[in-house]
């Protein structure tokens, strides 16, 4: 019984690793395709619009096309976020020429952990917000 349990546990771990590897490969392939995309725009903002009456999420995106700021509204099925690895990189949006419905937003992470640098500050004035 113990051998059967250990064998099934080992098989589960191996299969989980395989599925993660396939997901990573799929993601890397998609990233390579997106890097070849011809339509890349500076991102102004991308926001989730709260609407409890809908079954899917809705996103509003503003981006720069030349000197003009343009706006899009996309359902969650056509909106994809990617996290930028370079902390100095500016956020941008990519659209595939063959799939204009799909929008890929590259942005900085909302939160970064492990920043142990401390800082000091002096309070010069206190006021009460009413």
Protein backbone atom coordinates (compact mmCIF):
# COMPACT_ATOMS: atom_id res chain seq x y z
CA UNK A 1 0.00 0.00 0.00
CA UNK A 2 2.80 2.41 0.90
CA UNK A 3 4.61 1.63 -2.36
CA UNK A 4 1.44 2.36 -4.35
CA UNK A 5 0.94 5.63 -2.52
CA UNK A 6 4.57 6.69 -3.05
CA UNK A 7 4.42 5.71 -6.74
CA UNK A 8 1.24 7.70 -7.32
CA UNK A 9 2.70 10.69 -5.45
CA UNK A 10 5.87 10.56 -7.55
CA UNK A 11 3.83 10.29 -10.76
CA UNK A 12 1.76 13.31 -9.70
CA UNK A 13 4.87 15.39 -9.08
CA UNK A 14 6.34 14.39 -12.45
CA UNK A 15 3.12 15.18 -14.29
CA UNK A 16 2.79 18.54 -12.55
CA UNK A 17 6.31 19.40 -13.65
CA UNK A 18 5.51 18.43 -17.23
CA UNK A 19 2.40 20.59 -17.36
CA UNK A 20 4.33 23.55 -15.90
CA UNK A 21 7.07 23.04 -18.49
CA UNK A 22 4.49 22.97 -21.30
CA UNK A 23 2.89 26.17 -19.95
CA UNK A 24 6.29 27.87 -19.85
CA UNK A 25 7.06 26.76 -23.40
CA UNK A 26 3.69 28.02 -24.63
CA UNK A 27 4.22 31.35 -22.85
CA UNK A 28 7.75 31.76 -24.28
CA UNK A 29 6.51 30.97 -27.80
CA UNK A 30 3.71 33.54 -27.45
CA UNK A 31 6.20 36.13 -26.16
CA UNK A 32 8.43 35.55 -29.20
CA UNK A 33 5.44 36.07 -31.50
CA UNK A 34 4.48 39.26 -29.66
CA UNK A 35 8.01 40.63 -29.88
CA UNK A 36 7.60 40.51 -33.67
CA UNK A 37 4.34 42.46 -33.50
CA UNK A 38 4.38 45.60 -35.59
CA UNK A 39 1.89 47.57 -33.52
CA UNK A 40 3.45 48.68 -30.24
CA UNK A 41 2.07 51.71 -28.38
CA UNK A 42 3.06 53.66 -25.27
CA UNK A 43 0.56 52.92 -22.53
CA UNK A 44 -1.21 55.81 -20.77
CA UNK A 45 -3.32 53.60 -18.46
CA UNK A 46 -5.13 50.28 -18.24
CA UNK A 47 -7.90 49.91 -15.69
CA UNK A 48 -10.37 47.24 -14.68
CA UNK A 49 -13.88 48.70 -14.83
CA UNK A 50 -16.09 47.36 -12.05
CA UNK A 51 -19.48 46.19 -13.26
CA UNK A 52 -21.30 43.62 -11.16
CA UNK A 53 -23.94 43.04 -13.83
CA UNK A 54 -21.54 41.46 -16.33
CA UNK A 55 -20.14 37.94 -16.34
CA UNK A 56 -16.75 39.00 -17.70
CA UNK A 57 -14.33 41.72 -16.67
CA UNK A 58 -14.14 44.91 -18.70
CA UNK A 59 -10.94 46.91 -19.16
CA UNK A 60 -10.46 50.46 -20.36
CA UNK A 61 -7.10 51.16 -21.99
CA UNK A 62 -5.59 54.47 -23.08
CA UNK A 63 -2.56 54.46 -25.34
CA UNK A 64 -0.59 56.87 -27.52
CA UNK A 65 -0.84 56.53 -31.27
CA UNK A 66 1.61 59.14 -32.46
CA UNK A 67 0.67 62.36 -30.65
CA UNK A 68 -2.94 61.32 -30.03
CA UNK A 69 -4.28 59.45 -27.01
CA UNK A 70 -6.76 56.77 -28.01
CA UNK A 71 -9.10 54.75 -25.83
CA UNK A 72 -10.25 51.12 -25.99
CA UNK A 73 -12.72 49.08 -24.01
CA UNK A 74 -12.03 45.33 -23.99
CA UNK A 75 -13.65 42.31 -22.41
CA UNK A 76 -11.39 40.24 -20.21
CA UNK A 77 -11.29 37.50 -22.85
CA UNK A 78 -9.32 39.82 -25.15
CA UNK A 79 -7.17 41.57 -22.53
CA UNK A 80 -3.84 40.05 -21.45
CA UNK A 81 -1.31 41.46 -18.99
CA UNK A 82 2.39 40.80 -18.93
CA UNK A 83 4.79 41.95 -16.22
CA UNK A 84 7.90 43.81 -17.34
CA UNK A 85 11.14 42.32 -16.07
CA UNK A 86 13.14 45.54 -16.38
CA UNK A 87 12.23 47.91 -13.50
CA UNK A 88 13.19 50.91 -15.65
CA UNK A 89 11.06 49.93 -18.68
CA UNK A 90 8.04 52.03 -19.56
CA UNK A 91 4.65 50.31 -19.87
CA UNK A 92 3.36 49.65 -23.37
CA UNK A 93 0.61 47.87 -25.29
CA UNK A 94 0.99 45.43 -28.19
CA UNK A 95 -1.61 44.42 -30.74
CA UNK A 96 -1.06 41.56 -33.15
CA UNK A 97 -1.72 42.59 -36.74
CA UNK A 98 -3.61 39.35 -37.40
CA UNK A 99 -5.64 39.56 -34.17
CA UNK A 100 -6.74 43.16 -33.63
CA UNK A 101 -9.19 42.08 -30.90
CA UNK A 102 -6.37 40.91 -28.64
CA UNK A 103 -4.58 43.48 -26.48
CA UNK A 104 -1.40 42.71 -24.54
CA UNK A 105 -0.46 45.21 -21.84
CA UNK A 106 3.10 45.17 -20.52
CA UNK A 107 3.31 46.90 -17.16
CA UNK A 108 5.36 47.13 -13.98
CA UNK A 109 4.32 44.87 -11.08
CA UNK A 110 1.92 46.34 -8.56
CA UNK A 111 4.13 45.24 -5.67
CA UNK A 112 7.74 44.12 -5.32
CA UNK A 113 8.76 42.16 -2.23
CA UNK A 114 12.14 41.94 -0.55
CA UNK A 115 13.09 45.59 -0.70
CA UNK A 116 14.82 45.88 2.64
CA UNK A 117 16.15 49.37 2.12
CA UNK A 118 14.95 51.66 4.86
CA UNK A 119 14.56 55.41 4.79
CA UNK A 120 14.26 58.18 7.32
CA UNK A 121 12.03 61.23 7.25
CA UNK A 122 11.04 64.10 9.50
CA UNK A 123 7.45 65.23 9.97
CA UNK A 124 7.35 68.98 9.50
CA UNK A 125 3.61 69.63 9.60
CA UNK A 126 0.53 67.73 10.65
CA UNK A 127 -2.94 68.56 9.48
CA UNK A 128 -6.32 66.93 9.97
CA UNK A 129 -8.17 65.89 6.85
CA UNK A 130 -11.89 66.61 7.14
